[in-house]
Amino acid sequence: MAKPREVKNKKWTKPRYVPKRKVCSFCKDKIKVVDYKDPVKLRLYISDRGKITPRRKNGACAKHQRLLATAVKRARHLALLPYVPLHSRGTESVGLRH
């Protein structure tokens, strides 16, 4: 059996950065279906600009991220969630013609 390599000068070695692994909140709570009729919960997964947050930011697994995106799109269609943030809806914004 091979011995693990030893570091000669241990006090000069830099500790490696190992990020803490995010756990999917849906898997943790054993939620199988993401409900589109619950805008309070879905709002946690939407940015301040009205975009769906990516997996690397919200920590959802691939399966639940797909379900989450579908639920957000359905809630937007039924006007439970906004497509755009409130401050972007004014007519005095730059780029809009009168």
PDB file of N, CA and C in Angstrom:
ATOM      1  N   MET A   1       0.835  -1.183   0.000  1.00  0.00           N
ATOM      2  CA  MET A   1       0.000   0.000   0.000  1.00  0.00           C
ATOM      3  C   MET A   1       0.879   1.244   0.000  1.00  0.00           C
ATOM      4  N   ALA A   2       0.482   2.229  -0.787  1.00  0.00           N
ATOM      5  CA  ALA A   2       1.245   3.465  -0.885  1.00  0.00           C
ATOM      6  C   ALA A   2       0.879   4.396   0.256  1.00  0.00           C
ATOM      7  N   LYS A   3       1.896   5.057   0.771  1.00  0.00           N
ATOM      8  CA  LYS A   3       1.662   6.021   1.841  1.00  0.00           C
ATOM      9  C   LYS A   3       1.228   7.353   1.235  1.00  0.00           C
ATOM     10  N   PRO A   4       0.365   8.092   1.917  1.00  0.00           N
ATOM     11  CA  PRO A   4       0.003   9.415   1.402  1.00  0.00           C
ATOM     12  C   PRO A   4       1.202  10.348   1.425  1.00  0.00           C
ATOM     13  N   ARG A   5       1.247  11.261   0.454  1.00  0.00           N
ATOM     14  CA  ARG A   5       2.369  12.198   0.383  1.00  0.00           C
ATOM     15  C   ARG A   5       2.377  13.125   1.581  1.00  0.00           C
ATOM     16  N   GLU A   6       3.557  13.352   2.093  1.00  0.00           N
ATOM     17  CA  GLU A   6       3.688  14.247   3.236  1.00  0.00           C
ATOM     18  C   GLU A   6       4.172  15.603   2.759  1.00  0.00           C
ATOM     19  N   VAL A   7       3.640  16.628   3.349  1.00  0.00           N
ATOM     20  CA  VAL A   7       4.066  17.982   3.040  1.00  0.00           C
ATOM     21  C   VAL A   7       5.223  18.313   3.963  1.00  0.00           C
ATOM     22  N   LYS A   8       6.323  18.777   3.387  1.00  0.00           N
ATOM     23  CA  LYS A   8       7.515  19.028   4.187  1.00  0.00           C
ATOM     24  C   LYS A   8       7.339  20.239   5.107  1.00  0.00           C
ATOM     25  N   ASN A   9       6.885  21.351   4.539  1.00  0.00           N
ATOM     26  CA  ASN A   9       6.768  22.568   5.328  1.00  0.00           C
ATOM     27  C   ASN A   9       5.277  22.921   5.434  1.00  0.00           C
ATOM     28  N   LYS A  10       4.599  22.341   6.397  1.00  0.00           N
ATOM     29  CA  LYS A  10       3.151  22.448   6.481  1.00  0.00           C
ATOM     30  C   LYS A  10       2.671  23.861   6.806  1.00  0.00           C
ATOM     31  N   LYS A  11       3.450  24.653   7.532  1.00  0.00           N
ATOM     32  CA  LYS A  11       2.967  25.973   7.926  1.00  0.00           C
ATOM     33  C   LYS A  11       2.907  26.942   6.743  1.00  0.00           C
ATOM     34  N   TRP A  12       3.543  26.642   5.617  1.00  0.00           N
ATOM     35  CA  TRP A  12       3.504  27.530   4.452  1.00  0.00           C
ATOM     36  C   TRP A  12       2.467  27.113   3.423  1.00  0.00           C
ATOM     37  N   THR A  13       1.782  25.995   3.646  1.00  0.00           N
ATOM     38  CA  THR A  13       0.770  25.572   2.687  1.00  0.00           C
ATOM     39  C   THR A  13      -0.522  26.341   2.920  1.00  0.00           C
ATOM     40  N   LYS A  14      -1.143  26.686   1.830  1.00  0.00           N
ATOM     41  CA  LYS A  14      -2.381  27.451   1.884  1.00  0.00           C
ATOM     42  C   LYS A  14      -3.560  26.484   2.023  1.00  0.00           C
ATOM     43  N   PRO A  15      -4.498  26.745   2.934  1.00  0.00           N
ATOM     44  CA  PRO A  15      -5.649  25.836   3.026  1.00  0.00           C
ATOM     45  C   PRO A  15      -6.540  25.972   1.789  1.00  0.00           C
ATOM     46  N   ARG A  16      -7.028  24.857   1.321  1.00  0.00           N
ATOM     47  CA  ARG A  16      -7.867  24.861   0.132  1.00  0.00           C
ATOM     48  C   ARG A  16      -9.258  25.373   0.469  1.00  0.00           C
ATOM     49  N   TYR A  17      -9.824  26.125  -0.467  1.00  0.00           N
ATOM     50  CA  TYR A  17     -11.198  26.607  -0.310  1.00  0.00           C
ATOM     51  C   TYR A  17     -12.149  25.541  -0.816  1.00  0.00           C
ATOM     52  N   VAL A  18     -12.977  25.031   0.066  1.00  0.00           N
ATOM     53  CA  VAL A  18     -13.970  24.044  -0.298  1.00  0.00           C
ATOM     54  C   VAL A  18     -15.333  24.651   0.045  1.00  0.00           C
ATOM     55  N   PRO A  19     -16.113  25.044  -0.979  1.00  0.00           N
ATOM     56  CA  PRO A  19     -17.404  25.666  -0.681  1.00  0.00           C
ATOM     57  C   PRO A  19     -18.377  24.679  -0.061  1.00  0.00           C
ATOM     58  N   LYS A  20     -19.247  25.194   0.798  1.00  0.00           N
ATOM     59  CA  LYS A  20     -20.262  24.362   1.431  1.00  0.00           C
ATOM     60  C   LYS A  20     -21.312  23.986   0.390  1.00  0.00           C
ATOM     61  N   ARG A  21     -21.611  22.731   0.295  1.00  0.00           N
ATOM     62  CA  ARG A  21     -22.552  22.247  -0.712  1.00  0.00           C
ATOM     63  C   ARG A  21     -23.971  22.667  -0.346  1.00  0.00           C
ATOM     64  N   LYS A  22     -24.658  23.253  -1.337  1.00  0.00           N
ATOM     65  CA  LYS A  22     -26.040  23.665  -1.113  1.00  0.00           C
ATOM     66  C   LYS A  22     -26.956  22.451  -1.239  1.00  0.00           C
ATOM     67  N   VAL A  23     -27.970  22.423  -0.401  1.00  0.00           N
ATOM     68  CA  VAL A  23     -28.916  21.319  -0.409  1.00  0.00           C
ATOM     69  C   VAL A  23     -30.232  21.839  -0.961  1.00  0.00           C
ATOM     70  N   CYS A  24     -30.843  21.090  -1.835  1.00  0.00           N
ATOM     71  CA  CYS A  24     -32.116  21.473  -2.425  1.00  0.00           C
ATOM     72  C   CYS A  24     -33.179  21.512  -1.329  1.00  0.00           C
ATOM     73  N   SER A  25     -33.829  22.660  -1.172  1.00  0.00           N
ATOM     74  CA  SER A  25     -34.839  22.802  -0.123  1.00  0.00           C
ATOM     75  C   SER A  25     -36.071  21.955  -0.405  1.00  0.00           C
ATOM     76  N   PHE A  26     -36.353  21.711  -1.683  1.00  0.00           N
ATOM     77  CA  PHE A  26     -37.493  20.869  -2.033  1.00  0.00           C
ATOM     78  C   PHE A  26     -37.216  19.404  -1.694  1.00  0.00           C
ATOM     79  N   CYS A  27     -35.991  18.950  -1.950  1.00  0.00           N
ATOM     80  CA  CYS A  27     -35.628  17.571  -1.613  1.00  0.00           C
ATOM     81  C   CYS A  27     -35.584  17.391  -0.096  1.00  0.00           C
ATOM     82  N   LYS A  28     -35.096  18.405   0.600  1.00  0.00           N
ATOM     83  CA  LYS A  28     -34.980  18.335   2.049  1.00  0.00           C
ATOM     84  C   LYS A  28     -36.358  18.208   2.698  1.00  0.00           C
ATOM     85  N   ASP A  29     -37.331  18.964   2.170  1.00  0.00           N
ATOM     86  CA  ASP A  29     -38.695  18.927   2.706  1.00  0.00           C
ATOM     87  C   ASP A  29     -39.550  17.842   2.058  1.00  0.00           C
ATOM     88  N   LYS A  30     -38.956  17.066   1.143  1.00  0.00           N
ATOM     89  CA  LYS A  30     -39.627  15.973   0.427  1.00  0.00           C
ATOM     90  C   LYS A  30     -40.865  16.461  -0.321  1.00  0.00           C
ATOM     91  N   ILE A  31     -40.714  17.577  -1.031  1.00  0.00           N
ATOM     92  CA  ILE A  31     -41.783  18.132  -1.853  1.00  0.00           C
ATOM     93  C   ILE A  31     -41.640  17.556  -3.248  1.00  0.00           C
ATOM     94  N   LYS A  32     -42.694  16.928  -3.747  1.00  0.00           N
ATOM     95  CA  LYS A  32     -42.636  16.307  -5.070  1.00  0.00           C
ATOM     96  C   LYS A  32     -43.131  17.239  -6.159  1.00  0.00           C
ATOM     97  N   VAL A  33     -44.082  18.122  -5.832  1.00  0.00           N
ATOM     98  CA  VAL A  33     -44.671  19.027  -6.816  1.00  0.00           C
ATOM     99  C   VAL A  33     -44.520  20.455  -6.320  1.00  0.00           C
ATOM    100  N   VAL A  34     -44.048  21.346  -7.192  1.00  0.00           N
ATOM    101  CA  VAL A  34     -43.933  22.761  -6.856  1.00  0.00           C
ATOM    102  C   VAL A  34     -45.253  23.416  -7.246  1.00  0.00           C
ATOM    103  N   ASP A  35     -45.927  24.016  -6.273  1.00  0.00           N
ATOM    104  CA  ASP A  35     -47.261  24.563  -6.491  1.00  0.00           C
ATOM    105  C   ASP A  35     -47.172  25.966  -7.072  1.00  0.00           C
ATOM    106  N   TYR A  36     -47.783  26.183  -8.225  1.00  0.00           N
ATOM    107  CA  TYR A  36     -47.762  27.494  -8.862  1.00  0.00           C
ATOM    108  C   TYR A  36     -48.744  28.457  -8.204  1.00  0.00           C
ATOM    109  N   LYS A  37     -49.637  27.962  -7.352  1.00  0.00           N
ATOM    110  CA  LYS A  37     -50.635  28.807  -6.699  1.00  0.00           C
ATOM    111  C   LYS A  37     -50.133  29.397  -5.392  1.00  0.00           C
ATOM    112  N   ASP A  38     -48.848  29.218  -5.089  1.00  0.00           N
ATOM    113  CA  ASP A  38     -48.248  29.751  -3.862  1.00  0.00           C
ATOM    114  C   ASP A  38     -47.208  30.804  -4.226  1.00  0.00           C
ATOM    115  N   PRO A  39     -47.643  32.044  -4.526  1.00  0.00           N
ATOM    116  CA  PRO A  39     -46.687  33.061  -4.973  1.00  0.00           C
ATOM    117  C   PRO A  39     -45.710  33.507  -3.891  1.00  0.00           C
ATOM    118  N   VAL A  40     -46.073  33.343  -2.625  1.00  0.00           N
ATOM    119  CA  VAL A  40     -45.166  33.742  -1.539  1.00  0.00           C
ATOM    120  C   VAL A  40     -43.914  32.871  -1.565  1.00  0.00           C
ATOM    121  N   LYS A  41     -44.088  31.589  -1.762  1.00  0.00           N
ATOM    122  CA  LYS A  41     -42.940  30.675  -1.824  1.00  0.00           C
ATOM    123  C   LYS A  41     -42.159  30.847  -3.123  1.00  0.00           C
ATOM    124  N   LEU A  42     -42.871  31.074  -4.232  1.00  0.00           N
ATOM    125  CA  LEU A  42     -42.195  31.232  -5.518  1.00  0.00           C
ATOM    126  C   LEU A  42     -41.390  32.527  -5.586  1.00  0.00           C
ATOM    127  N   ARG A  43     -41.805  33.541  -4.838  1.00  0.00           N
ATOM    128  CA  ARG A  43     -41.106  34.825  -4.849  1.00  0.00           C
ATOM    129  C   ARG A  43     -39.678  34.710  -4.321  1.00  0.00           C
ATOM    130  N   LEU A  44     -39.416  33.675  -3.517  1.00  0.00           N
ATOM    131  CA  LEU A  44     -38.063  33.441  -3.008  1.00  0.00           C
ATOM    132  C   LEU A  44     -37.096  33.069  -4.128  1.00  0.00           C
ATOM    133  N   TYR A  45     -37.628  32.538  -5.224  1.00  0.00           N
ATOM    134  CA  TYR A  45     -36.800  32.056  -6.323  1.00  0.00           C
ATOM    135  C   TYR A  45     -36.822  32.998  -7.516  1.00  0.00           C
ATOM    136  N   ILE A  46     -37.233  34.244  -7.289  1.00  0.00           N
ATOM    137  CA  ILE A  46     -37.257  35.257  -8.338  1.00  0.00           C
ATOM    138  C   ILE A  46     -36.394  36.426  -7.882  1.00  0.00           C
ATOM    139  N   SER A  47     -35.570  36.952  -8.786  1.00  0.00           N
ATOM    140  CA  SER A  47     -34.703  38.074  -8.439  1.00  0.00           C
ATOM    141  C   SER A  47     -35.515  39.362  -8.348  1.00  0.00           C
ATOM    142  N   ASP A  48     -34.864  40.430  -7.927  1.00  0.00           N
ATOM    143  CA  ASP A  48     -35.547  41.726  -7.826  1.00  0.00           C
ATOM    144  C   ASP A  48     -35.898  42.285  -9.200  1.00  0.00           C
ATOM    145  N   ARG A  49     -35.283  41.760 -10.245  1.00  0.00           N
ATOM    146  CA  ARG A  49     -35.585  42.190 -11.611  1.00  0.00           C
ATOM    147  C   ARG A  49     -36.685  41.349 -12.248  1.00  0.00           C
ATOM    148  N   GLY A  50     -37.205  40.356 -11.512  1.00  0.00           N
ATOM    149  CA  GLY A  50     -38.283  39.526 -12.022  1.00  0.00           C
ATOM    150  C   GLY A  50     -37.826  38.273 -12.740  1.00  0.00           C
ATOM    151  N   LYS A  51     -36.529  37.969 -12.675  1.00  0.00           N
ATOM    152  CA  LYS A  51     -35.999  36.793 -13.368  1.00  0.00           C
ATOM    153  C   LYS A  51     -35.951  35.595 -12.424  1.00  0.00           C
ATOM    154  N   ILE A  52     -36.043  34.406 -12.992  1.00  0.00           N
ATOM    155  CA  ILE A  52     -35.916  33.181 -12.212  1.00  0.00           C
ATOM    156  C   ILE A  52     -34.442  33.003 -11.863  1.00  0.00           C
ATOM    157  N   THR A  53     -34.152  32.794 -10.584  1.00  0.00           N
ATOM    158  CA  THR A  53     -32.754  32.676 -10.167  1.00  0.00           C
ATOM    159  C   THR A  53     -32.174  31.341 -10.624  1.00  0.00           C
ATOM    160  N   PRO A  54     -30.884  31.308 -10.945  1.00  0.00           N
ATOM    161  CA  PRO A  54     -30.265  30.072 -11.421  1.00  0.00           C
ATOM    162  C   PRO A  54     -30.046  29.070 -10.286  1.00  0.00           C
ATOM    163  N   ARG A  55     -29.787  27.841 -10.665  1.00  0.00           N
ATOM    164  CA  ARG A  55     -29.573  26.762  -9.695  1.00  0.00           C
ATOM    165  C   ARG A  55     -28.403  27.039  -8.769  1.00  0.00           C
ATOM    166  N   ARG A  56     -27.347  27.578  -9.305  1.00  0.00           N
ATOM    167  CA  ARG A  56     -26.157  27.800  -8.480  1.00  0.00           C
ATOM    168  C   ARG A  56     -26.420  28.820  -7.384  1.00  0.00           C
ATOM    169  N   LYS A  57     -27.423  29.657  -7.563  1.00  0.00           N
ATOM    170  CA  LYS A  57     -27.747  30.665  -6.554  1.00  0.00           C
ATOM    171  C   LYS A  57     -28.797  30.183  -5.561  1.00  0.00           C
ATOM    172  N   ASN A  58     -29.841  29.518  -6.040  1.00  0.00           N
ATOM    173  CA  ASN A  58     -30.898  29.111  -5.115  1.00  0.00           C
ATOM    174  C   ASN A  58     -30.705  27.717  -4.543  1.00  0.00           C
ATOM    175  N   GLY A  59     -29.797  26.925  -5.101  1.00  0.00           N
ATOM    176  CA  GLY A  59     -29.466  25.631  -4.521  1.00  0.00           C
ATOM    177  C   GLY A  59     -30.424  24.510  -4.866  1.00  0.00           C
ATOM    178  N   ALA A  60     -31.310  24.708  -5.812  1.00  0.00           N
ATOM    179  CA  ALA A  60     -32.251  23.653  -6.190  1.00  0.00           C
ATOM    180  C   ALA A  60     -31.560  22.615  -7.067  1.00  0.00           C
ATOM    181  N   CYS A  61     -32.036  21.377  -6.979  1.00  0.00           N
ATOM    182  CA  CYS A  61     -31.492  20.342  -7.857  1.00  0.00           C
ATOM    183  C   CYS A  61     -32.089  20.523  -9.252  1.00  0.00           C
ATOM    184  N   ALA A  62     -31.575  19.801 -10.225  1.00  0.00           N
ATOM    185  CA  ALA A  62     -32.001  19.982 -11.615  1.00  0.00           C
ATOM    186  C   ALA A  62     -33.483  19.668 -11.799  1.00  0.00           C
ATOM    187  N   LYS A  63     -33.943  18.619 -11.169  1.00  0.00           N
ATOM    188  CA  LYS A  63     -35.352  18.221 -11.290  1.00  0.00           C
ATOM    189  C   LYS A  63     -36.271  19.305 -10.747  1.00  0.00           C
ATOM    190  N   HIS A  64     -35.966  19.792  -9.543  1.00  0.00           N
ATOM    191  CA  HIS A  64     -36.825  20.800  -8.927  1.00  0.00           C
ATOM    192  C   HIS A  64     -36.661  22.170  -9.576  1.00  0.00           C
ATOM    193  N   GLN A  65     -35.516  22.444 -10.170  1.00  0.00           N
ATOM    194  CA  GLN A  65     -35.343  23.713 -10.890  1.00  0.00           C
ATOM    195  C   GLN A  65     -36.250  23.746 -12.121  1.00  0.00           C
ATOM    196  N   ARG A  66     -36.379  22.631 -12.811  1.00  0.00           N
ATOM    197  CA  ARG A  66     -37.288  22.569 -13.957  1.00  0.00           C
ATOM    198  C   ARG A  66     -38.740  22.746 -13.515  1.00  0.00           C
ATOM    199  N   LEU A  67     -39.128  22.079 -12.423  1.00  0.00           N
ATOM    200  CA  LEU A  67     -40.483  22.225 -11.900  1.00  0.00           C
ATOM    201  C   LEU A  67     -40.741  23.648 -11.415  1.00  0.00           C
ATOM    202  N   LEU A  68     -39.726  24.244 -10.818  1.00  0.00           N
ATOM    203  CA  LEU A  68     -39.827  25.610 -10.320  1.00  0.00           C
ATOM    204  C   LEU A  68     -40.013  26.603 -11.457  1.00  0.00           C
ATOM    205  N   ALA A  69     -39.259  26.428 -12.535  1.00  0.00           N
ATOM    206  CA  ALA A  69     -39.383  27.327 -13.687  1.00  0.00           C
ATOM    207  C   ALA A  69     -40.770  27.233 -14.309  1.00  0.00           C
ATOM    208  N   THR A  70     -41.296  26.026 -14.410  1.00  0.00           N
ATOM    209  CA  THR A  70     -42.643  25.843 -14.949  1.00  0.00           C
ATOM    210  C   THR A  70     -43.687  26.489 -14.046  1.00  0.00           C
ATOM    211  N   ALA A  71     -43.530  26.334 -12.738  1.00  0.00           N
ATOM    212  CA  ALA A  71     -44.481  26.908 -11.786  1.00  0.00           C
ATOM    213  C   ALA A  71     -44.447  28.433 -11.826  1.00  0.00           C
ATOM    214  N   VAL A  72     -43.257  29.019 -11.949  1.00  0.00           N
ATOM    215  CA  VAL A  72     -43.145  30.477 -12.022  1.00  0.00           C
ATOM    216  C   VAL A  72     -43.794  30.997 -13.302  1.00  0.00           C
ATOM    217  N   LYS A  73     -43.575  30.303 -14.403  1.00  0.00           N
ATOM    218  CA  LYS A  73     -44.164  30.729 -15.672  1.00  0.00           C
ATOM    219  C   LYS A  73     -45.691  30.631 -15.633  1.00  0.00           C
ATOM    220  N   ARG A  74     -46.219  29.599 -14.993  1.00  0.00           N
ATOM    221  CA  ARG A  74     -47.671  29.470 -14.854  1.00  0.00           C
ATOM    222  C   ARG A  74     -48.240  30.562 -13.954  1.00  0.00           C
ATOM    223  N   ALA A  75     -47.539  30.856 -12.867  1.00  0.00           N
ATOM    224  CA  ALA A  75     -47.995  31.909 -11.952  1.00  0.00           C
ATOM    225  C   ALA A  75     -47.950  33.272 -12.630  1.00  0.00           C
ATOM    226  N   ARG A  76     -46.969  33.506 -13.477  1.00  0.00           N
ATOM    227  CA  ARG A  76     -46.914  34.767 -14.227  1.00  0.00           C
ATOM    228  C   ARG A  76     -48.080  34.865 -15.197  1.00  0.00           C
ATOM    229  N   HIS A  77     -48.387  33.757 -15.850  1.00  0.00           N
ATOM    230  CA  HIS A  77     -49.477  33.741 -16.826  1.00  0.00           C
ATOM    231  C   HIS A  77     -50.822  34.044 -16.162  1.00  0.00           C
ATOM    232  N   LEU A  78     -50.995  33.583 -14.930  1.00  0.00           N
ATOM    233  CA  LEU A  78     -52.229  33.824 -14.190  1.00  0.00           C
ATOM    234  C   LEU A  78     -52.187  35.126 -13.384  1.00  0.00           C
ATOM    235  N   ALA A  79     -51.148  35.922 -13.572  1.00  0.00           N
ATOM    236  CA  ALA A  79     -50.963  37.216 -12.903  1.00  0.00           C
ATOM    237  C   ALA A  79     -50.811  37.081 -11.395  1.00  0.00           C
ATOM    238  N   LEU A  80     -50.283  35.958 -10.930  1.00  0.00           N
ATOM    239  CA  LEU A  80     -49.959  35.808  -9.517  1.00  0.00           C
ATOM    240  C   LEU A  80     -48.575  36.370  -9.222  1.00  0.00           C
ATOM    241  N   LEU A  81     -47.721  36.381 -10.251  1.00  0.00           N
ATOM    242  CA  LEU A  81     -46.377  36.947 -10.151  1.00  0.00           C
ATOM    243  C   LEU A  81     -46.174  37.920 -11.305  1.00  0.00           C
ATOM    244  N   PRO A  82     -45.372  38.965 -11.107  1.00  0.00           N
ATOM    245  CA  PRO A  82     -45.144  39.916 -12.194  1.00  0.00           C
ATOM    246  C   PRO A  82     -44.092  39.406 -13.182  1.00  0.00           C
ATOM    247  N   TYR A  83     -44.233  39.830 -14.426  1.00  0.00           N
ATOM    248  CA  TYR A  83     -43.204  39.550 -15.432  1.00  0.00           C
ATOM    249  C   TYR A  83     -42.017  40.484 -15.240  1.00  0.00           C
ATOM    250  N   VAL A  84     -42.301  41.735 -14.899  1.00  0.00           N
ATOM    251  CA  VAL A  84     -41.271  42.755 -14.701  1.00  0.00           C
ATOM    252  C   VAL A  84     -41.446  43.376 -13.325  1.00  0.00           C
ATOM    253  N   PRO A  85     -40.376  43.967 -12.755  1.00  0.00           N
ATOM    254  CA  PRO A  85     -40.507  44.617 -11.457  1.00  0.00           C
ATOM    255  C   PRO A  85     -41.384  45.869 -11.544  1.00  0.00           C
ATOM    256  N   LEU A  86     -41.872  46.285 -10.416  1.00  0.00           N
ATOM    257  CA  LEU A  86     -42.803  47.404 -10.346  1.00  0.00           C
ATOM    258  C   LEU A  86     -42.187  48.710 -10.836  1.00  0.00           C
ATOM    259  N   HIS A  87     -40.906  48.947 -10.538  1.00  0.00           N
ATOM    260  CA  HIS A  87     -40.280  50.217 -10.915  1.00  0.00           C
ATOM    261  C   HIS A  87     -39.994  50.317 -12.413  1.00  0.00           C
ATOM    262  N   SER A  88     -40.135  49.231 -13.171  1.00  0.00           N
ATOM    263  CA  SER A  88     -39.899  49.273 -14.616  1.00  0.00           C
ATOM    264  C   SER A  88     -41.169  49.532 -15.410  1.00  0.00           C
ATOM    265  N   ARG A  89     -42.297  49.622 -14.721  1.00  0.00           N
ATOM    266  CA  ARG A  89     -43.569  49.730 -15.419  1.00  0.00           C
ATOM    267  C   ARG A  89     -43.953  51.156 -15.791  1.00  0.00           C
ATOM    268  N   GLY A  90     -43.260  52.166 -15.258  1.00  0.00           N
ATOM    269  CA  GLY A  90     -43.612  53.563 -15.538  1.00  0.00           C
ATOM    270  C   GLY A  90     -43.331  53.954 -16.977  1.00  0.00           C
ATOM    271  N   THR A  91     -44.038  54.977 -17.453  1.00  0.00           N
ATOM    272  CA  THR A  91     -43.850  55.417 -18.833  1.00  0.00           C
ATOM    273  C   THR A  91     -42.710  56.414 -18.968  1.00  0.00           C
ATOM    274  N   GLU A  92     -42.179  56.904 -17.836  1.00  0.00           N
ATOM    275  CA  GLU A  92     -41.102  57.873 -17.919  1.00  0.00           C
ATOM    276  C   GLU A  92     -39.730  57.210 -18.033  1.00  0.00           C
ATOM    277  N   SER A  93     -39.679  55.927 -18.281  1.00  0.00           N
ATOM    278  CA  SER A  93     -38.417  55.219 -18.412  1.00  0.00           C
ATOM    279  C   SER A  93     -37.710  55.619 -19.714  1.00  0.00           C
ATOM    280  N   VAL A  94     -36.408  55.457 -19.725  1.00  0.00           N
ATOM    281  CA  VAL A  94     -35.626  55.756 -20.909  1.00  0.00           C
ATOM    282  C   VAL A  94     -35.898  54.682 -21.951  1.00  0.00           C
ATOM    283  N   GLY A  95     -36.076  55.075 -23.178  1.00  0.00           N
ATOM    284  CA  GLY A  95     -36.256  54.128 -24.274  1.00  0.00           C
ATOM    285  C   GLY A  95     -37.700  53.971 -24.722  1.00  0.00           C
ATOM    286  N   LEU A  96     -38.633  54.447 -23.938  1.00  0.00           N
ATOM    287  CA  LEU A  96     -40.032  54.363 -24.360  1.00  0.00           C
ATOM    288  C   LEU A  96     -40.423  55.632 -25.114  1.00  0.00           C
ATOM    289  N   ARG A  97     -41.123  55.453 -26.178  1.00  0.00           N
ATOM    290  CA  ARG A  97     -41.551  56.605 -26.978  1.00  0.00           C
ATOM    291  C   ARG A  97     -42.976  56.982 -26.612  1.00  0.00           C
ATOM    292  N   HIS A  98     -43.270  58.260 -26.713  1.00  0.00           N
ATOM    293  CA  HIS A  98     -44.613  58.742 -26.359  1.00  0.00           C
ATOM    294  C   HIS A  98     -45.466  58.853 -27.597  1.00  0.00           C
TER     295      HIS A  98
END
